[in-house]
Amino acid sequence: MTVRSERTGGSTGILLMAYGSPEHPDQVEEYFTHIRGGRAPDAGAVASLRRRYEMVGGRTPLLRITEEVRAALESALRAEAGGGYRVYAGMKHWHPFIADVMQTMKEDGVEHVIAVALAPHYSRISIGGYRSAVDAAHAQLGSPFRVTFVDSWHLQPRFLDLVAAQVRSSHAAFDGGPEDIVTVFTAHSLPVRIRDWNDPYERQLLESSEAVATRAGLADWRFAWQSAGHTGEPWLGPDILEKLDQLRAEGVRRVLQVPIGFVSEHLEILYDIDIEAREHAAALGMTLARTALPNATPAFVRTLVAVVADAERPSVPAAELARA
């Protein structure tokens, strides 16, 4: 897919955005406070989150992976378009914050910003939060850019192909045949109230999952949620742990989890799946494996090149992209 550079005038900056992650357990409270909009969490919640970080080695590779993606995407775009692009990475809840990165973009003379969250599916809570951060920073800087914000890329064909390839590879790694493996797609849960807004998050996740299942030739697949917050309000379910209970009751012994809502390794993968969900499955006498994350693989970088190309051209319906 060709990226057009003639429109950029050498001043287009790609702003990749990720959630953010503390780099040391001692930073967990500050990080948690930022997530809560400046409201300090109670000591028990901080201790629980810190313990999870300690169990995965004290930090996650999210910041490193995001920087690897940034550098690889910049190289790929320059090779594809013959120059004219710079790629930046900003975090919603940790350093380098989106606002600080946009300040650097202004100083570098960027005129057009293409903002892409490293999360394929739109929700007012999740991607809407990135958009709010971009809009606030843009206003604070005096609105120096032309901003193109990519709301979602959940049906980008390269993304679907990438995940389908991971599913096929993971199925092949199981001992025995694939006929008794149940594939469960998962994504981060959100509060049930998003349904009152007609939020597209659930629909987009099911669309992605169905498209991947079709590409991978899956005969039996399910969907579940993971990593729900503890906020005192109902969150979308069933949770993956509940789904494992249901599958075990059906006689299922082998499960492949596909965290389709995530593109890089961080706490919700390394702890919530690799430790908590696997331990739960083992206690049920089940085997739980998961697909690899896209991380900074060449296939994922090519996906982002395509996302940028889509943002640079006239609007194409998502359903048509999925059939490409």
Protein backbone atom coordinates (compact mmCIF):
# COMPACT_ATOMS: atom_id res chain seq x y z
CA MET A 1 0.00 0.00 0.00
CA THR A 2 1.55 3.27 -1.09
CA VAL A 3 1.74 6.25 1.24
CA ARG A 4 1.43 9.54 -0.58
CA SER A 5 3.94 12.16 0.47
CA GLU A 6 3.07 15.02 -1.86
CA ARG A 7 0.37 16.33 0.51
CA THR A 8 2.68 16.54 3.51
CA GLY A 9 5.12 19.13 2.30
CA GLY A 10 7.75 17.46 4.46
CA SER A 11 5.94 18.44 7.65
CA THR A 12 3.70 15.53 8.59
CA GLY A 13 4.19 13.98 12.01
CA ILE A 14 2.68 10.65 13.02
CA LEU A 15 1.72 10.64 16.70
CA LEU A 16 1.55 7.08 18.01
CA MET A 17 -0.26 6.93 21.33
CA ALA A 18 -0.21 4.24 24.00
CA TYR A 19 -1.62 3.94 27.49
CA GLY A 20 1.64 4.27 29.40
CA SER A 21 3.26 2.15 32.08
CA PRO A 22 5.39 2.88 35.16
CA GLU A 23 9.02 1.93 34.83
CA HIS A 24 9.48 0.94 38.49
CA PRO A 25 7.07 -0.28 41.22
CA ASP A 26 7.76 2.90 43.21
CA GLN A 27 6.04 4.86 40.42
CA VAL A 28 2.82 2.86 40.60
CA GLU A 29 1.00 5.28 42.91
CA GLU A 30 1.78 8.32 40.74
CA TYR A 31 0.74 6.39 37.64
CA PHE A 32 -2.47 5.14 39.26
CA THR A 33 -3.31 8.66 40.43
CA HIS A 34 -2.98 9.98 36.87
CA ILE A 35 -5.29 7.24 35.58
CA ARG A 36 -7.85 8.37 38.18
CA GLY A 37 -7.72 11.97 36.98
CA GLY A 38 -5.63 13.17 39.93
CA ARG A 39 -7.66 11.41 42.63
CA ALA A 40 -5.36 9.47 44.93
CA PRO A 41 -6.17 5.74 45.08
CA ASP A 42 -6.44 4.02 48.43
CA ALA A 43 -3.40 2.25 49.82
CA GLY A 44 -4.86 -1.21 49.27
CA ALA A 45 -5.45 -0.60 45.57
CA VAL A 46 -1.92 0.76 45.15
CA ALA A 47 -0.45 -2.26 46.95
CA SER A 48 -2.45 -4.66 44.77
CA LEU A 49 -1.34 -2.99 41.53
CA ARG A 50 2.25 -2.79 42.72
CA ARG A 51 2.22 -6.49 43.57
CA ARG A 52 1.09 -7.34 40.05
CA TYR A 53 3.89 -5.29 38.56
CA GLU A 54 6.39 -6.99 40.85
CA MET A 55 5.09 -10.40 39.71
CA VAL A 56 5.90 -9.56 36.08
CA GLY A 57 9.38 -8.30 36.89
CA GLY A 58 8.68 -4.79 38.24
CA ARG A 59 7.88 -3.23 34.89
CA THR A 60 6.36 -4.08 31.54
CA PRO A 61 7.97 -3.70 28.11
CA LEU A 62 5.26 -1.34 26.84
CA LEU A 63 7.44 1.78 26.63
CA ARG A 64 10.31 -0.10 24.99
CA ILE A 65 8.01 -1.79 22.48
CA THR A 66 6.30 1.49 21.63
CA GLU A 67 9.65 3.13 20.94
CA GLU A 68 10.65 0.18 18.74
CA VAL A 69 7.39 0.55 16.82
CA ARG A 70 7.96 4.30 16.48
CA ALA A 71 11.46 3.90 15.06
CA ALA A 72 10.47 1.07 12.70
CA LEU A 73 7.41 2.93 11.42
CA GLU A 74 9.42 6.08 10.74
CA SER A 75 11.95 4.05 8.77
CA ALA A 76 9.22 2.25 6.84
CA LEU A 77 7.34 5.45 5.99
CA ARG A 78 10.47 7.17 4.80
CA ALA A 79 11.34 4.20 2.61
CA GLU A 80 7.78 4.03 1.26
CA ALA A 81 7.21 7.72 0.68
CA GLY A 82 10.73 8.98 0.08
CA GLY A 83 10.89 11.15 3.20
CA GLY A 84 8.55 13.73 4.62
CA TYR A 85 7.43 11.87 7.74
CA ARG A 86 8.53 11.92 11.36
CA VAL A 87 7.03 9.56 13.90
CA TYR A 88 6.59 10.39 17.58
CA ALA A 89 5.28 8.38 20.53
CA GLY A 90 3.25 9.80 23.42
CA MET A 91 1.56 8.21 26.42
CA LYS A 92 -1.84 8.94 27.89
CA HIS A 93 -0.92 8.20 31.51
CA TRP A 94 2.87 8.25 31.74
CA HIS A 95 6.01 9.85 30.36
CA PRO A 96 6.44 10.96 27.67
CA PHE A 97 2.96 12.46 27.92
CA ILE A 98 1.04 13.28 24.75
CA ALA A 99 1.10 17.02 25.52
CA ASP A 100 4.88 17.06 25.92
CA VAL A 101 5.37 15.17 22.66
CA MET A 102 3.07 17.54 20.79
CA GLN A 103 5.14 20.44 22.13
CA THR A 104 8.18 18.79 20.57
CA MET A 105 6.28 18.32 17.31
CA LYS A 106 5.53 22.03 17.24
CA GLU A 107 9.16 22.88 17.88
CA ASP A 108 10.16 20.54 15.06
CA GLY A 109 7.97 22.42 12.60
CA VAL A 110 5.33 19.74 12.10
CA GLU A 111 2.26 21.14 10.35
CA HIS A 112 0.05 18.08 9.93
CA VAL A 113 -0.43 15.57 12.77
CA ILE A 114 -1.86 12.11 12.13
CA ALA A 115 -2.77 10.75 15.57
CA VAL A 116 -3.04 6.95 15.87
CA ALA A 117 -3.77 5.15 19.12
CA LEU A 118 -2.12 1.74 19.39
CA ALA A 119 -5.52 0.23 20.05
CA PRO A 120 -7.66 -0.79 17.06
CA HIS A 121 -11.17 -0.41 18.49
CA TYR A 122 -13.01 2.80 19.33
CA SER A 123 -14.73 3.61 22.59
CA ARG A 124 -15.60 7.00 23.98
CA ILE A 125 -13.82 6.01 27.18
CA SER A 126 -10.63 4.62 25.65
CA ILE A 127 -9.93 6.25 22.29
CA GLY A 128 -12.04 9.22 23.28
CA GLY A 129 -9.54 9.79 26.10
CA TYR A 130 -6.69 9.94 23.60
CA ARG A 131 -8.63 12.39 21.47
CA SER A 132 -9.30 14.60 24.50
CA ALA A 133 -5.59 14.60 25.34
CA VAL A 134 -4.70 15.57 21.77
CA ASP A 135 -7.36 18.28 21.62
CA ALA A 136 -6.32 19.77 24.98
CA ALA A 137 -2.64 19.83 24.05
CA HIS A 138 -3.43 21.28 20.63
CA ALA A 139 -5.44 24.11 22.16
CA GLN A 140 -2.74 24.79 24.76
CA LEU A 141 -0.17 25.11 21.98
CA GLY A 142 -2.32 27.61 20.07
CA SER A 143 -3.72 25.13 17.51
CA PRO A 144 -0.63 25.07 15.28
CA PHE A 145 -1.45 21.83 13.44
CA ARG A 146 -3.86 20.33 11.01
CA VAL A 147 -4.89 17.24 12.95
CA THR A 148 -6.16 13.98 11.49
CA PHE A 149 -7.29 11.68 14.29
CA VAL A 150 -7.73 7.99 13.45
CA ASP A 151 -10.70 6.82 15.50
CA SER A 152 -10.32 3.09 14.76
CA TRP A 153 -8.62 0.63 12.45
CA HIS A 154 -10.29 -2.58 13.61
CA LEU A 155 -11.02 -3.82 10.08
CA GLN A 156 -7.70 -2.87 8.49
CA PRO A 157 -6.95 -5.94 6.33
CA ARG A 158 -3.29 -6.13 7.34
CA PHE A 159 -4.30 -6.18 11.00
CA LEU A 160 -6.83 -8.95 10.42
CA ASP A 161 -4.33 -10.96 8.40
CA LEU A 162 -1.69 -10.55 11.09
CA VAL A 163 -3.96 -11.82 13.87
CA ALA A 164 -5.28 -14.67 11.72
CA ALA A 165 -1.71 -15.79 11.04
CA GLN A 166 -1.01 -15.75 14.78
CA VAL A 167 -4.11 -17.87 15.40
CA ARG A 168 -3.09 -20.46 12.82
CA SER A 169 0.45 -20.60 14.20
CA SER A 170 -0.80 -20.99 17.77
CA HIS A 171 -3.20 -23.77 16.79
CA ALA A 172 -0.37 -25.63 15.12
CA ALA A 173 1.72 -25.40 18.30
CA PHE A 174 -0.86 -27.37 20.33
CA ASP A 175 -0.24 -31.10 20.64
CA GLY A 176 -2.73 -33.08 18.63
CA GLY A 177 -5.31 -31.77 16.19
CA PRO A 178 -7.15 -28.44 16.31
CA GLU A 179 -10.65 -29.94 16.42
CA ASP A 180 -10.96 -29.81 20.21
CA ILE A 181 -9.41 -26.35 20.68
CA VAL A 182 -11.82 -23.53 21.47
CA THR A 183 -10.56 -20.07 20.52
CA VAL A 184 -11.60 -17.20 22.79
CA PHE A 185 -11.08 -13.61 21.66
CA THR A 186 -10.69 -11.10 24.48
CA ALA A 187 -10.42 -7.36 25.02
CA HIS A 188 -10.27 -5.00 27.96
CA SER A 189 -13.65 -4.74 29.64
CA LEU A 190 -15.32 -1.35 30.05
CA PRO A 191 -18.23 -0.22 32.24
CA VAL A 192 -21.63 -1.49 31.09
CA ARG A 193 -22.84 2.12 30.80
CA ILE A 194 -21.12 2.42 27.41
CA ARG A 195 -24.12 0.54 26.02
CA ASP A 196 -26.34 3.48 26.96
CA TRP A 197 -24.25 5.64 24.63
CA ASN A 198 -24.54 3.24 21.69
CA ASP A 199 -20.76 3.04 21.93
CA PRO A 200 -19.28 1.02 19.01
CA TYR A 201 -16.65 -0.77 21.12
CA GLU A 202 -18.44 -4.13 21.47
CA ARG A 203 -19.59 -4.15 17.86
CA GLN A 204 -16.13 -3.37 16.51
CA LEU A 205 -14.53 -6.09 18.63
CA LEU A 206 -17.01 -8.67 17.39
CA GLU A 207 -16.48 -7.51 13.81
CA SER A 208 -12.72 -7.93 14.15
CA SER A 209 -13.09 -11.31 15.85
CA GLU A 210 -15.46 -12.62 13.21
CA ALA A 211 -13.23 -11.41 10.37
CA VAL A 212 -10.17 -13.06 11.94
CA ALA A 213 -12.10 -16.27 12.61
CA THR A 214 -13.16 -16.39 8.97
CA ARG A 215 -9.61 -15.82 7.75
CA ALA A 216 -8.25 -18.46 10.14
CA GLY A 217 -10.99 -20.98 9.32
CA LEU A 218 -12.16 -21.33 12.92
CA ALA A 219 -15.06 -23.71 13.46
CA ASP A 220 -15.59 -22.79 17.12
CA TRP A 221 -14.78 -19.43 18.65
CA ARG A 222 -16.10 -17.35 21.53
CA PHE A 223 -15.68 -13.87 22.97
CA ALA A 224 -14.98 -12.80 26.55
CA TRP A 225 -13.72 -9.80 28.45
CA GLN A 226 -10.71 -9.32 30.68
CA SER A 227 -8.98 -6.85 33.01
CA ALA A 228 -12.15 -5.19 34.34
CA GLY A 229 -11.62 -2.35 36.78
CA HIS A 230 -12.82 -2.34 40.37
CA THR A 231 -14.91 0.83 40.41
CA GLY A 232 -18.11 -0.25 42.12
CA GLU A 233 -20.13 -0.27 38.89
CA PRO A 234 -20.89 -3.22 36.59
CA TRP A 235 -18.40 -3.98 33.82
CA LEU A 236 -18.91 -5.92 30.61
CA GLY A 237 -18.78 -9.68 30.96
CA PRO A 238 -18.35 -12.56 31.00
CA ASP A 239 -14.79 -12.25 32.22
CA ILE A 240 -12.27 -14.72 30.79
CA LEU A 241 -12.15 -16.56 34.14
CA GLU A 242 -15.92 -17.04 34.02
CA LYS A 243 -15.67 -18.10 30.38
CA LEU A 244 -13.11 -20.76 31.32
CA ASP A 245 -15.51 -22.08 33.96
CA GLN A 246 -18.26 -22.28 31.32
CA LEU A 247 -16.01 -24.03 28.81
CA ARG A 248 -14.83 -26.56 31.38
CA ALA A 249 -18.48 -27.34 32.15
CA GLU A 250 -18.89 -28.07 28.43
CA GLY A 251 -16.00 -30.51 28.57
CA VAL A 252 -13.45 -28.27 26.86
CA ARG A 253 -9.85 -28.95 27.82
CA ARG A 254 -7.83 -26.75 25.47
CA VAL A 255 -8.32 -23.03 24.94
CA LEU A 256 -6.49 -20.54 22.75
CA GLN A 257 -6.92 -16.97 23.96
CA VAL A 258 -6.59 -14.22 21.35
CA PRO A 259 -6.25 -10.81 23.04
CA ILE A 260 -7.50 -8.99 19.96
CA GLY A 261 -8.02 -5.71 21.79
CA PHE A 262 -4.28 -5.37 22.54
CA VAL A 263 -1.24 -4.92 20.29
CA SER A 264 1.69 -5.03 22.73
CA GLU A 265 2.72 -6.76 25.91
CA HIS A 266 1.87 -4.97 29.13
CA LEU A 267 0.29 -5.75 32.50
CA GLU A 268 -3.07 -6.89 31.12
CA ILE A 269 -1.24 -9.53 29.09
CA LEU A 270 1.68 -10.51 31.31
CA TYR A 271 -0.32 -10.75 34.53
CA ASP A 272 -4.02 -11.01 33.68
CA ILE A 273 -3.51 -13.70 31.02
CA ASP A 274 -0.09 -15.25 31.52
CA ILE A 275 -0.41 -15.60 35.29
CA GLU A 276 -4.01 -15.24 36.48
CA ALA A 277 -5.91 -16.84 33.59
CA ARG A 278 -3.38 -19.63 33.10
CA GLU A 279 -3.41 -20.50 36.79
CA HIS A 280 -7.22 -20.58 36.73
CA ALA A 281 -7.22 -22.82 33.67
CA ALA A 282 -4.68 -25.17 35.25
CA ALA A 283 -6.81 -25.44 38.38
CA LEU A 284 -9.68 -26.54 36.13
CA GLY A 285 -7.51 -29.16 34.43
CA MET A 286 -7.36 -27.12 31.23
CA THR A 287 -4.55 -25.91 29.00
CA LEU A 288 -4.64 -22.22 28.12
CA ALA A 289 -2.34 -20.71 25.52
CA ARG A 290 -2.47 -17.31 23.88
CA THR A 291 -1.40 -15.84 20.59
CA ALA A 292 1.70 -13.68 20.42
CA LEU A 293 1.16 -9.91 20.48
CA PRO A 294 1.98 -7.86 17.38
CA ASN A 295 4.52 -5.79 19.36
CA ALA A 296 7.10 -4.33 16.95
CA THR A 297 7.03 -7.12 14.38
CA PRO A 298 7.48 -6.21 10.70
CA ALA A 299 3.90 -7.33 10.02
CA PHE A 300 2.58 -4.88 12.60
CA VAL A 301 4.72 -2.05 11.26
CA ARG A 302 3.29 -2.77 7.80
CA THR A 303 -0.17 -2.61 9.37
CA LEU A 304 0.55 0.87 10.71
CA VAL A 305 1.91 1.99 7.34
CA ALA A 306 -1.47 0.96 5.92
CA VAL A 307 -3.31 2.79 8.73
CA VAL A 308 -1.39 5.97 7.89
CA ALA A 309 -2.13 5.50 4.18
CA ASP A 310 -5.84 5.09 4.97
CA ALA A 311 -5.73 8.34 6.97
CA GLU A 312 -4.10 10.15 4.05
CA ARG A 313 -6.72 9.21 1.48
CA PRO A 314 -10.46 9.87 1.08
CA SER A 315 -12.67 7.98 3.46
CA VAL A 316 -13.29 4.31 2.65
CA PRO A 317 -16.03 2.38 4.51
CA ALA A 318 -14.53 -0.01 7.05
CA ALA A 319 -16.49 -2.95 5.63
CA GLU A 320 -14.84 -2.40 2.25
CA LEU A 321 -11.40 -2.34 3.87
CA ALA A 322 -12.09 -5.67 5.57
CA ARG A 323 -12.89 -7.26 2.20
CA ALA A 324 -9.67 -5.95 0.64
